[in-house]
């Protein structure tokens, strides 16, 4: 019996983008949509992958990770725009759209931030 190999992404619940879903992009392909406070499980082949989340033209940084056979990796995504930073939302959208969202790995084995 072979073990399942997948990733699980959880999204923080936030006021900003509450009614909008985030697209999950893996290896350049849209693999699903995650709602506010939701979770998404995506089965993947073992190997090296690249992940990013996107809403409209705004994105997160890209993470590179390696998934082994039978391994489960967990990620968390959301927006760094909270509190007083809500006053700068227009700057993030227009001036820094690739920092409007974030995605990070939750487990000890961390993915590498692509540059």
Protein backbone atom coordinates (compact mmCIF):
# COMPACT_ATOMS: atom_id res chain seq x y z
CA UNK A 1 0.00 0.00 0.00
CA UNK A 2 1.56 3.31 -1.05
CA UNK A 3 1.35 6.35 1.18
CA UNK A 4 -0.38 9.52 0.08
CA UNK A 5 1.80 12.40 -1.05
CA UNK A 6 0.18 15.80 -0.81
CA UNK A 7 0.34 19.35 0.47
CA UNK A 8 -2.21 21.13 2.62
CA UNK A 9 -2.65 24.90 2.52
CA UNK A 10 -4.55 26.84 5.19
CA UNK A 11 -5.56 30.46 4.76
CA UNK A 12 -5.74 32.91 7.64
CA UNK A 13 -9.09 34.61 8.23
CA UNK A 14 -8.71 38.34 7.69
CA UNK A 15 -10.86 41.39 7.00
CA UNK A 16 -8.92 42.19 3.82
CA UNK A 17 -10.02 39.98 0.89
CA UNK A 18 -12.64 38.29 3.12
CA UNK A 19 -15.02 37.70 0.22
CA UNK A 20 -12.35 36.77 -2.35
CA UNK A 21 -10.72 33.45 -3.00
CA UNK A 22 -6.99 33.00 -3.51
CA UNK A 23 -5.82 30.97 -6.49
CA UNK A 24 -3.14 28.41 -5.63
CA UNK A 25 -0.53 28.17 -8.40
CA UNK A 26 1.82 25.15 -8.44
CA UNK A 27 4.44 24.77 -11.15
CA UNK A 28 2.66 27.48 -13.17
CA UNK A 29 -0.77 25.79 -13.11
CA UNK A 30 -3.80 26.86 -11.09
CA UNK A 31 -4.54 23.94 -8.76
CA UNK A 32 -7.48 25.29 -6.79
CA UNK A 33 -9.02 28.15 -4.90
CA UNK A 34 -8.95 28.74 -1.16
CA UNK A 35 -11.56 30.81 0.70
CA UNK A 36 -11.08 33.01 3.77
CA UNK A 37 -10.21 30.79 6.75
CA UNK A 38 -10.29 27.69 4.53
CA UNK A 39 -8.04 24.73 3.79
CA UNK A 40 -7.07 23.10 0.52
CA UNK A 41 -5.48 19.69 0.00
CA UNK A 42 -3.60 19.06 -3.24
CA UNK A 43 -2.14 15.68 -4.19
CA UNK A 44 1.19 16.02 -5.98
CA UNK A 45 3.83 13.79 -7.47
CA UNK A 46 7.05 13.54 -5.45
CA UNK A 47 9.76 15.95 -6.56
CA UNK A 48 10.60 19.62 -6.67
CA UNK A 49 7.74 22.10 -7.02
CA UNK A 50 7.10 25.85 -6.95
CA UNK A 51 4.05 27.34 -5.19
CA UNK A 52 2.47 30.79 -5.12
CA UNK A 53 -0.92 32.29 -4.23
CA UNK A 54 -2.67 34.96 -6.29
CA UNK A 55 -5.69 37.26 -6.18
CA UNK A 56 -6.33 39.37 -9.29
CA UNK A 57 -2.88 40.67 -10.37
CA UNK A 58 -1.45 40.57 -6.83
CA UNK A 59 0.63 37.60 -5.73
CA UNK A 60 2.81 36.17 -3.01
CA UNK A 61 6.51 35.49 -3.33
CA UNK A 62 7.26 32.12 -4.93
CA UNK A 63 8.41 29.20 -2.76
CA UNK A 64 10.34 26.19 -4.00
CA UNK A 65 9.90 22.93 -2.08
CA UNK A 66 10.72 19.25 -2.47
CA UNK A 67 8.08 16.65 -1.71
CA UNK A 68 9.19 13.07 -0.96
CA UNK A 69 7.09 9.94 -1.53
CA UNK A 70 4.54 9.60 1.29
CA UNK A 71 5.29 13.07 2.66
CA UNK A 72 2.74 15.69 3.70
CA UNK A 73 3.79 19.34 3.74
CA UNK A 74 1.69 22.11 5.26
CA UNK A 75 1.61 25.72 4.15
CA UNK A 76 -0.13 28.85 5.43
CA UNK A 77 -1.16 31.82 3.31
CA UNK A 78 -2.78 35.22 3.80
CA UNK A 79 -2.06 38.90 3.48
CA UNK A 80 0.57 40.80 5.49
CA UNK A 81 -1.72 43.85 5.28
CA UNK A 82 -3.40 44.16 8.69
CA UNK A 83 -3.77 46.79 11.37
CA UNK A 84 -2.34 50.18 10.42
CA UNK A 85 -0.99 48.72 7.15
CA UNK A 86 -4.57 48.81 5.83
CA UNK A 87 -3.92 52.52 5.26
CA UNK A 88 -1.21 51.52 2.74
CA UNK A 89 -3.32 49.02 0.79
CA UNK A 90 -3.20 51.11 -2.39
CA UNK A 91 0.63 51.20 -2.21
CA UNK A 92 0.75 47.39 -1.98
CA UNK A 93 -1.68 46.92 -4.87
CA UNK A 94 0.01 49.38 -7.22
CA UNK A 95 3.61 49.55 -6.03
CA UNK A 96 4.34 46.10 -4.65
CA UNK A 97 1.78 43.59 -5.98
CA UNK A 98 4.13 40.62 -5.42
CA UNK A 99 4.10 41.33 -1.66
CA UNK A 100 0.32 41.71 -1.32
CA UNK A 101 0.00 38.07 -0.19
CA UNK A 102 2.29 35.62 1.58
CA UNK A 103 2.75 31.87 1.63
CA UNK A 104 4.99 30.06 4.08
CA UNK A 105 5.66 26.50 5.09
CA UNK A 106 4.49 25.47 8.57
CA UNK A 107 6.68 22.44 9.19
CA UNK A 108 10.35 22.21 10.24
CA UNK A 109 11.47 21.39 6.72
CA UNK A 110 11.20 24.85 5.15
CA UNK A 111 10.75 25.66 1.47
CA UNK A 112 13.24 27.99 -0.19
CA UNK A 113 12.20 31.50 -1.19
CA UNK A 114 12.84 31.97 -4.92
CA UNK A 115 14.49 35.17 -6.02
